[in-house]
Amino acid sequence: AHYLAQVADHFRIALAFMGCQDLEDLHRLP
């Protein structure tokens, strides 16, 4: 559970520094 929680946390971190507010923003990244 700690491993998967870390994946979820790091996913949010990656969205943050890529400037994505949600999944739609992620799909629009160059």
Full PDB file with SEQRES, HELIX, SHEET, SSBOND, CRYST1, ORIGX, SCALE, CONECT and MASTER records, all heavy atoms in Angstrom:
SEQRES   1 A   30  ALA HIS TYR LEU ALA GLN VAL ALA ASP HIS PHE ARG ILE          
SEQRES   2 A   30  ALA LEU ALA PHE MET GLY CYS GLN ASP LEU GLU ASP LEU          
SEQRES   3 A   30  HIS ARG LEU PRO                                              
HELIX    1 AA1 HIS A    2  PHE A   17  1                                  16    
HELIX    2 AA2 LEU A   23  HIS A   27  1                                   5    
CRYST1    1.000    1.000    1.000  90.00  90.00  90.00 P 1           1          
ORIGX1      1.000000  0.000000  0.000000        0.00000                         
ORIGX2      0.000000  1.000000  0.000000        0.00000                         
ORIGX3      0.000000  0.000000  1.000000        0.00000                         
SCALE1      1.000000  0.000000  0.000000        0.00000                         
SCALE2      0.000000  1.000000  0.000000        0.00000                         
SCALE3      0.000000  0.000000  1.000000        0.00000                         
ATOM      1  N   ALA A   1       0.835  -1.206   0.000  1.00  0.00           N  
ATOM      2  CA  ALA A   1       0.000   0.000   0.000  1.00  0.00           C  
ATOM      3  C   ALA A   1       0.869   1.255   0.000  1.00  0.00           C  
ATOM      4  O   ALA A   1       0.536   2.254  -0.655  1.00  0.00           O  
ATOM      5  CB  ALA A   1      -0.926  -0.004   1.214  1.00  0.00           C  
ATOM      6  N   HIS A   2       1.990   1.214   0.723  1.00  0.00           N  
ATOM      7  CA  HIS A   2       2.901   2.359   0.737  1.00  0.00           C  
ATOM      8  C   HIS A   2       3.471   2.611  -0.660  1.00  0.00           C  
ATOM      9  O   HIS A   2       3.584   3.771  -1.096  1.00  0.00           O  
ATOM     10  CB  HIS A   2       4.037   2.112   1.731  1.00  0.00           C  
ATOM     11  CG  HIS A   2       5.074   3.201   1.739  1.00  0.00           C  
ATOM     12  ND1 HIS A   2       4.854   4.440   2.307  1.00  0.00           N  
ATOM     13  CD2 HIS A   2       6.333   3.242   1.214  1.00  0.00           C  
ATOM     14  CE1 HIS A   2       5.928   5.193   2.140  1.00  0.00           C  
ATOM     15  NE2 HIS A   2       6.834   4.500   1.489  1.00  0.00           N  
ATOM     16  N   TYR A   3       3.839   1.526  -1.349  1.00  0.00           N  
ATOM     17  CA  TYR A   3       4.348   1.664  -2.724  1.00  0.00           C  
ATOM     18  C   TYR A   3       3.323   2.336  -3.622  1.00  0.00           C  
ATOM     19  O   TYR A   3       3.632   3.297  -4.349  1.00  0.00           O  
ATOM     20  CB  TYR A   3       4.735   0.289  -3.274  1.00  0.00           C  
ATOM     21  CG  TYR A   3       4.745   0.206  -4.782  1.00  0.00           C  
ATOM     22  CD1 TYR A   3       5.653   0.947  -5.544  1.00  0.00           C  
ATOM     23  CD2 TYR A   3       3.842  -0.612  -5.460  1.00  0.00           C  
ATOM     24  CE1 TYR A   3       5.653   0.876  -6.933  1.00  0.00           C  
ATOM     25  CE2 TYR A   3       3.843  -0.696  -6.836  1.00  0.00           C  
ATOM     26  CZ  TYR A   3       4.742   0.052  -7.569  1.00  0.00           C  
ATOM     27  OH  TYR A   3       4.737  -0.015  -8.942  1.00  0.00           O  
ATOM     28  N   LEU A   4       2.079   1.867  -3.583  1.00  0.00           N  
ATOM     29  CA  LEU A   4       1.049   2.421  -4.453  1.00  0.00           C  
ATOM     30  C   LEU A   4       0.669   3.844  -4.039  1.00  0.00           C  
ATOM     31  O   LEU A   4       0.389   4.686  -4.893  1.00  0.00           O  
ATOM     32  CB  LEU A   4      -0.181   1.519  -4.450  1.00  0.00           C  
ATOM     33  CG  LEU A   4      -0.010   0.203  -5.219  1.00  0.00           C  
ATOM     34  CD1 LEU A   4      -1.173  -0.737  -4.945  1.00  0.00           C  
ATOM     35  CD2 LEU A   4       0.133   0.467  -6.711  1.00  0.00           C  
ATOM     36  N   ALA A   5       0.673   4.126  -2.737  1.00  0.00           N  
ATOM     37  CA  ALA A   5       0.397   5.484  -2.277  1.00  0.00           C  
ATOM     38  C   ALA A   5       1.487   6.434  -2.764  1.00  0.00           C  
ATOM     39  O   ALA A   5       1.207   7.596  -3.108  1.00  0.00           O  
ATOM     40  CB  ALA A   5       0.304   5.519  -0.752  1.00  0.00           C  
ATOM     41  N   GLN A   6       2.727   5.940  -2.821  1.00  0.00           N  
ATOM     42  CA  GLN A   6       3.824   6.768  -3.328  1.00  0.00           C  
ATOM     43  C   GLN A   6       3.657   7.034  -4.813  1.00  0.00           C  
ATOM     44  O   GLN A   6       3.924   8.152  -5.284  1.00  0.00           O  
ATOM     45  CB  GLN A   6       5.153   6.068  -3.059  1.00  0.00           C  
ATOM     46  CG  GLN A   6       6.363   6.852  -3.545  1.00  0.00           C  
ATOM     47  CD  GLN A   6       7.666   6.195  -3.125  1.00  0.00           C  
ATOM     48  OE1 GLN A   6       8.135   6.410  -2.023  1.00  0.00           O  
ATOM     49  NE2 GLN A   6       8.230   5.385  -4.025  1.00  0.00           N  
ATOM     50  N   VAL A   7       3.217   6.025  -5.576  1.00  0.00           N  
ATOM     51  CA  VAL A   7       2.947   6.241  -6.995  1.00  0.00           C  
ATOM     52  C   VAL A   7       1.906   7.346  -7.158  1.00  0.00           C  
ATOM     53  O   VAL A   7       2.060   8.259  -7.976  1.00  0.00           O  
ATOM     54  CB  VAL A   7       2.466   4.942  -7.675  1.00  0.00           C  
ATOM     55  CG1 VAL A   7       1.989   5.233  -9.099  1.00  0.00           C  
ATOM     56  CG2 VAL A   7       3.580   3.903  -7.717  1.00  0.00           C  
ATOM     57  N   ALA A   8       0.832   7.287  -6.350  1.00  0.00           N  
ATOM     58  CA  ALA A   8      -0.226   8.297  -6.432  1.00  0.00           C  
ATOM     59  C   ALA A   8       0.298   9.678  -6.061  1.00  0.00           C  
ATOM     60  O   ALA A   8      -0.015  10.678  -6.721  1.00  0.00           O  
ATOM     61  CB  ALA A   8      -1.387   7.904  -5.518  1.00  0.00           C  
ATOM     62  N   ASP A   9       1.114   9.754  -4.997  1.00  0.00           N  
ATOM     63  CA  ASP A   9       1.665  11.035  -4.559  1.00  0.00           C  
ATOM     64  C   ASP A   9       2.609  11.615  -5.604  1.00  0.00           C  
ATOM     65  O   ASP A   9       2.553  12.803  -5.926  1.00  0.00           O  
ATOM     66  CB  ASP A   9       2.393  10.841  -3.230  1.00  0.00           C  
ATOM     67  CG  ASP A   9       2.912  12.153  -2.659  1.00  0.00           C  
ATOM     68  OD1 ASP A   9       2.131  13.123  -2.582  1.00  0.00           O  
ATOM     69  OD2 ASP A   9       4.105  12.220  -2.306  1.00  0.00           O  
ATOM     70  N   HIS A  10       3.464  10.757  -6.156  1.00  0.00           N  
ATOM     71  CA  HIS A  10       4.418  11.221  -7.163  1.00  0.00           C  
ATOM     72  C   HIS A  10       3.707  11.623  -8.458  1.00  0.00           C  
ATOM     73  O   HIS A  10       4.173  12.508  -9.179  1.00  0.00           O  
ATOM     74  CB  HIS A  10       5.459  10.142  -7.437  1.00  0.00           C  
ATOM     75  CG  HIS A  10       6.427   9.955  -6.316  1.00  0.00           C  
ATOM     76  ND1 HIS A  10       7.553   9.168  -6.415  1.00  0.00           N  
ATOM     77  CD2 HIS A  10       6.444  10.459  -5.056  1.00  0.00           C  
ATOM     78  CE1 HIS A  10       8.216   9.188  -5.278  1.00  0.00           C  
ATOM     79  NE2 HIS A  10       7.551   9.956  -4.437  1.00  0.00           N  
ATOM     80  N   PHE A  11       2.592  10.961  -8.739  1.00  0.00           N  
ATOM     81  CA  PHE A  11       1.799  11.328  -9.909  1.00  0.00           C  
ATOM     82  C   PHE A  11       1.288  12.763  -9.763  1.00  0.00           C  
ATOM     83  O   PHE A  11       1.368  13.570 -10.692  1.00  0.00           O  
ATOM     84  CB  PHE A  11       0.639  10.346 -10.068  1.00  0.00           C  
ATOM     85  CG  PHE A  11      -0.211  10.570 -11.287  1.00  0.00           C  
ATOM     86  CD1 PHE A  11       0.262  10.274 -12.557  1.00  0.00           C  
ATOM     87  CD2 PHE A  11      -1.508  11.057 -11.172  1.00  0.00           C  
ATOM     88  CE1 PHE A  11      -0.527  10.463 -13.687  1.00  0.00           C  
ATOM     89  CE2 PHE A  11      -2.304  11.251 -12.287  1.00  0.00           C  
ATOM     90  CZ  PHE A  11      -1.812  10.956 -13.547  1.00  0.00           C  
ATOM     91  N   ARG A  12       0.797  13.093  -8.578  1.00  0.00           N  
ATOM     92  CA  ARG A  12       0.323  14.455  -8.312  1.00  0.00           C  
ATOM     93  C   ARG A  12       1.479  15.451  -8.411  1.00  0.00           C  
ATOM     94  O   ARG A  12       1.333  16.538  -8.974  1.00  0.00           O  
ATOM     95  CB  ARG A  12      -0.320  14.531  -6.937  1.00  0.00           C  
ATOM     96  CG  ARG A  12      -0.823  15.922  -6.547  1.00  0.00           C  
ATOM     97  CD  ARG A  12      -1.419  15.919  -5.151  1.00  0.00           C  
ATOM     98  NE  ARG A  12      -2.608  15.090  -5.125  1.00  0.00           N  
ATOM     99  CZ  ARG A  12      -3.834  15.503  -5.447  1.00  0.00           C  
ATOM    100  NH1 ARG A  12      -4.010  16.771  -5.834  1.00  0.00           N  
ATOM    101  NH2 ARG A  12      -4.861  14.692  -5.390  1.00  0.00           N  
ATOM    102  N   ILE A  13       2.637  15.092  -7.872  1.00  0.00           N  
ATOM    103  CA  ILE A  13       3.805  15.966  -7.936  1.00  0.00           C  
ATOM    104  C   ILE A  13       4.191  16.233  -9.391  1.00  0.00           C  
ATOM    105  O   ILE A  13       4.481  17.370  -9.777  1.00  0.00           O  
ATOM    106  CB  ILE A  13       4.986  15.345  -7.161  1.00  0.00           C  
ATOM    107  CG1 ILE A  13       4.711  15.371  -5.655  1.00  0.00           C  
ATOM    108  CG2 ILE A  13       6.296  16.061  -7.475  1.00  0.00           C  
ATOM    109  CD1 ILE A  13       5.701  14.584  -4.828  1.00  0.00           C  
ATOM    110  N   ALA A  14       4.195  15.158 -10.210  1.00  0.00           N  
ATOM    111  CA  ALA A  14       4.558  15.321 -11.621  1.00  0.00           C  
ATOM    112  C   ALA A  14       3.580  16.238 -12.336  1.00  0.00           C  
ATOM    113  O   ALA A  14       3.990  17.096 -13.140  1.00  0.00           O  
ATOM    114  CB  ALA A  14       4.612  13.958 -12.306  1.00  0.00           C  
ATOM    115  N   LEU A  15       2.284  16.089 -12.057  1.00  0.00           N  
ATOM    116  CA  LEU A  15       1.299  16.982 -12.664  1.00  0.00           C  
ATOM    117  C   LEU A  15       1.559  18.431 -12.258  1.00  0.00           C  
ATOM    118  O   LEU A  15       1.429  19.349 -13.079  1.00  0.00           O  
ATOM    119  CB  LEU A  15      -0.116  16.567 -12.263  1.00  0.00           C  
ATOM    120  CG  LEU A  15      -0.874  15.695 -13.291  1.00  0.00           C  
ATOM    121  CD1 LEU A  15      -0.173  14.372 -13.503  1.00  0.00           C  
ATOM    122  CD2 LEU A  15      -2.327  15.479 -12.866  1.00  0.00           C  
ATOM    123  N   ALA A  16       1.966  18.613 -11.013  1.00  0.00           N  
ATOM    124  CA  ALA A  16       2.203  19.971 -10.528  1.00  0.00           C  
ATOM    125  C   ALA A  16       3.341  20.638 -11.285  1.00  0.00           C  
ATOM    126  O   ALA A  16       3.184  21.759 -11.796  1.00  0.00           O  
ATOM    127  CB  ALA A  16       2.509  19.941  -9.032  1.00  0.00           C  
ATOM    128  N   PHE A  17       4.506  19.989 -11.379  1.00  0.00           N  
ATOM    129  CA  PHE A  17       5.619  20.686 -12.023  1.00  0.00           C  
ATOM    130  C   PHE A  17       5.534  20.663 -13.545  1.00  0.00           C  
ATOM    131  O   PHE A  17       6.297  21.338 -14.220  1.00  0.00           O  
ATOM    132  CB  PHE A  17       6.989  20.213 -11.503  1.00  0.00           C  
ATOM    133  CG  PHE A  17       7.383  18.788 -11.786  1.00  0.00           C  
ATOM    134  CD1 PHE A  17       7.603  18.338 -13.069  1.00  0.00           C  
ATOM    135  CD2 PHE A  17       7.601  17.908 -10.729  1.00  0.00           C  
ATOM    136  CE1 PHE A  17       8.005  17.037 -13.318  1.00  0.00           C  
ATOM    137  CE2 PHE A  17       8.002  16.607 -10.965  1.00  0.00           C  
ATOM    138  CZ  PHE A  17       8.205  16.166 -12.268  1.00  0.00           C  
ATOM    139  N   MET A  18       4.559  19.883 -14.090  1.00  0.00           N  
ATOM    140  CA  MET A  18       4.294  19.978 -15.527  1.00  0.00           C  
ATOM    141  C   MET A  18       3.191  20.985 -15.831  1.00  0.00           C  
ATOM    142  O   MET A  18       2.821  21.187 -16.977  1.00  0.00           O  
ATOM    143  CB  MET A  18       3.911  18.602 -16.080  1.00  0.00           C  
ATOM    144  CG  MET A  18       5.036  17.580 -16.068  1.00  0.00           C  
ATOM    145  SD  MET A  18       6.509  18.081 -16.984  1.00  0.00           S  
ATOM    146  CE  MET A  18       5.863  18.275 -18.632  1.00  0.00           C  
ATOM    147  N   GLY A  19       2.632  21.621 -14.779  1.00  0.00           N  
ATOM    148  CA  GLY A  19       1.612  22.644 -14.982  1.00  0.00           C  
ATOM    149  C   GLY A  19       0.244  22.096 -15.323  1.00  0.00           C  
ATOM    150  O   GLY A  19      -0.543  22.761 -16.006  1.00  0.00           O  
ATOM    151  N   CYS A  20      -0.075  20.898 -14.823  1.00  0.00           N  
ATOM    152  CA  CYS A  20      -1.359  20.247 -15.124  1.00  0.00           C  
ATOM    153  C   CYS A  20      -2.284  20.300 -13.920  1.00  0.00           C  
ATOM    154  O   CYS A  20      -1.924  19.820 -12.832  1.00  0.00           O  
ATOM    155  CB  CYS A  20      -1.135  18.792 -15.524  1.00  0.00           C  
ATOM    156  SG  CYS A  20      -0.123  18.578 -16.997  1.00  0.00           S  
ATOM    157  N   GLN A  21      -3.480  20.836 -14.098  1.00  0.00           N  
ATOM    158  CA  GLN A  21      -4.458  20.909 -13.023  1.00  0.00           C  
ATOM    159  C   GLN A  21      -5.316  19.657 -12.953  1.00  0.00           C  
ATOM    160  O   GLN A  21      -5.871  19.324 -11.910  1.00  0.00           O  
ATOM    161  CB  GLN A  21      -5.349  22.133 -13.216  1.00  0.00           C  
ATOM    162  CG  GLN A  21      -6.138  22.530 -11.974  1.00  0.00           C  
ATOM    163  CD  GLN A  21      -5.249  23.077 -10.861  1.00  0.00           C  
ATOM    164  OE1 GLN A  21      -4.543  24.049 -11.050  1.00  0.00           O  
ATOM    165  NE2 GLN A  21      -5.297  22.443  -9.683  1.00  0.00           N  
ATOM    166  N   ASP A  22      -5.398  18.920 -14.083  1.00  0.00           N  
ATOM    167  CA  ASP A  22      -6.186  17.697 -14.110  1.00  0.00           C  
ATOM    168  C   ASP A  22      -5.687  16.802 -15.235  1.00  0.00           C  
ATOM    169  O   ASP A  22      -4.689  17.108 -15.906  1.00  0.00           O  
ATOM    170  CB  ASP A  22      -7.681  18.005 -14.277  1.00  0.00           C  
ATOM    171  CG  ASP A  22      -7.965  18.872 -15.502  1.00  0.00           C  
ATOM    172  OD1 ASP A  22      -7.173  18.832 -16.476  1.00  0.00           O  
ATOM    173  OD2 ASP A  22      -8.977  19.589 -15.499  1.00  0.00           O  
ATOM    174  N   LEU A  23      -6.368  15.693 -15.449  1.00  0.00           N  
ATOM    175  CA  LEU A  23      -5.919  14.717 -16.438  1.00  0.00           C  
ATOM    176  C   LEU A  23      -6.045  15.236 -17.862  1.00  0.00           C  
ATOM    177  O   LEU A  23      -5.258  14.852 -18.737  1.00  0.00           O  
ATOM    178  CB  LEU A  23      -6.709  13.409 -16.279  1.00  0.00           C  
ATOM    179  CG  LEU A  23      -6.623  12.739 -14.902  1.00  0.00           C  
ATOM    180  CD1 LEU A  23      -7.360  11.404 -14.922  1.00  0.00           C  
ATOM    181  CD2 LEU A  23      -5.180  12.556 -14.452  1.00  0.00           C  
ATOM    182  N   GLU A  24      -7.008  16.101 -18.107  1.00  0.00           N  
ATOM    183  CA  GLU A  24      -7.151  16.675 -19.442  1.00  0.00           C  
ATOM    184  C   GLU A  24      -5.928  17.514 -19.799  1.00  0.00           C  
ATOM    185  O   GLU A  24      -5.448  17.486 -20.938  1.00  0.00           O  
ATOM    186  CB  GLU A  24      -8.426  17.512 -19.529  1.00  0.00           C  
ATOM    187  CG  GLU A  24      -9.708  16.686 -19.530  1.00  0.00           C  
ATOM    188  CD  GLU A  24      -9.744  15.682 -20.668  1.00  0.00           C  
ATOM    189  OE1 GLU A  24      -9.437  16.066 -21.823  1.00  0.00           O  
ATOM    190  OE2 GLU A  24     -10.069  14.504 -20.408  1.00  0.00           O  
ATOM    191  N   ASP A  25      -5.425  18.259 -18.832  1.00  0.00           N  
ATOM    192  CA  ASP A  25      -4.206  19.032 -19.069  1.00  0.00           C  
ATOM    193  C   ASP A  25      -3.039  18.099 -19.405  1.00  0.00           C  
ATOM    194  O   ASP A  25      -2.206  18.416 -20.264  1.00  0.00           O  
ATOM    195  CB  ASP A  25      -3.841  19.853 -17.827  1.00  0.00           C  
ATOM    196  CG  ASP A  25      -4.749  21.055 -17.631  1.00  0.00           C  
ATOM    197  OD1 ASP A  25      -5.479  21.411 -18.575  1.00  0.00           O  
ATOM    198  OD2 ASP A  25      -4.715  21.638 -16.533  1.00  0.00           O  
ATOM    199  N   LEU A  26      -2.973  16.972 -18.724  1.00  0.00           N  
ATOM    200  CA  LEU A  26      -1.898  16.007 -18.966  1.00  0.00           C  
ATOM    201  C   LEU A  26      -1.933  15.496 -20.399  1.00  0.00           C  
ATOM    202  O   LEU A  26      -0.897  15.362 -21.058  1.00  0.00           O  
ATOM    203  CB  LEU A  26      -2.037  14.841 -17.979  1.00  0.00           C  
ATOM    204  CG  LEU A  26      -0.975  13.736 -18.014  1.00  0.00           C  
ATOM    205  CD1 LEU A  26       0.406  14.307 -17.759  1.00  0.00           C  
ATOM    206  CD2 LEU A  26      -1.308  12.662 -16.990  1.00  0.00           C  
ATOM    207  N   HIS A  27      -3.119  15.246 -20.892  1.00  0.00           N  
ATOM    208  CA  HIS A  27      -3.268  14.737 -22.260  1.00  0.00           C  
ATOM    209  C   HIS A  27      -2.896  15.773 -23.321  1.00  0.00           C  
ATOM    210  O   HIS A  27      -2.657  15.414 -24.474  1.00  0.00           O  
ATOM    211  CB  HIS A  27      -4.707  14.262 -22.493  1.00  0.00           C  
ATOM    212  CG  HIS A  27      -5.024  12.965 -21.825  1.00  0.00           C  
ATOM    213  ND1 HIS A  27      -6.191  12.745 -21.134  1.00  0.00           N  
ATOM    214  CD2 HIS A  27      -4.309  11.819 -21.720  1.00  0.00           C  
ATOM    215  CE1 HIS A  27      -6.191  11.526 -20.649  1.00  0.00           C  
ATOM    216  NE2 HIS A  27      -5.070  10.947 -20.989  1.00  0.00           N  
ATOM    217  N   ARG A  28      -2.849  17.039 -22.913  1.00  0.00           N  
ATOM    218  CA  ARG A  28      -2.524  18.101 -23.874  1.00  0.00           C  
ATOM    219  C   ARG A  28      -1.050  18.500 -23.860  1.00  0.00           C  
ATOM    220  O   ARG A  28      -0.638  19.371 -24.624  1.00  0.00           O  
ATOM    221  CB  ARG A  28      -3.393  19.335 -23.593  1.00  0.00           C  
ATOM    222  CG  ARG A  28      -4.863  19.169 -23.972  1.00  0.00           C  
ATOM    223  CD  ARG A  28      -5.598  20.495 -23.935  1.00  0.00           C  
ATOM    224  NE  ARG A  28      -5.801  20.945 -22.563  1.00  0.00           N  
ATOM    225  CZ  ARG A  28      -6.932  20.736 -21.866  1.00  0.00           C  
ATOM    226  NH1 ARG A  28      -7.936  20.083 -22.435  1.00  0.00           N  
ATOM    227  NH2 ARG A  28      -7.052  21.194 -20.635  1.00  0.00           N  
ATOM    228  N   LEU A  29      -0.250  17.862 -23.026  1.00  0.00           N  
ATOM    229  CA  LEU A  29       1.156  18.245 -22.926  1.00  0.00           C  
ATOM    230  C   LEU A  29       1.917  17.952 -24.222  1.00  0.00           C  
ATOM    231  O   LEU A  29       1.745  16.884 -24.813  1.00  0.00           O  
ATOM    232  CB  LEU A  29       1.841  17.484 -21.787  1.00  0.00           C  
ATOM    233  CG  LEU A  29       1.587  17.953 -20.355  1.00  0.00           C  
ATOM    234  CD1 LEU A  29       2.367  17.071 -19.392  1.00  0.00           C  
ATOM    235  CD2 LEU A  29       1.981  19.411 -20.173  1.00  0.00           C  
ATOM    236  N   PRO A  30       2.797  18.855 -24.629  1.00  0.00           N  
ATOM    237  CA  PRO A  30       3.664  18.566 -25.779  1.00  0.00           C  
ATOM    238  C   PRO A  30       4.768  17.588 -25.372  1.00  0.00           C  
ATOM    239  O   PRO A  30       5.194  17.551 -24.212  1.00  0.00           O  
ATOM    240  CB  PRO A  30       4.251  19.941 -26.132  1.00  0.00           C  
ATOM    241  CG  PRO A  30       4.214  20.703 -24.850  1.00  0.00           C  
ATOM    242  CD  PRO A  30       2.997  20.223 -24.105  1.00  0.00           C  
TER     243      PRO A  30                                                      
MASTER        0    0    0    2    0    0    0    6  242    1    0    3          
END                                                                             
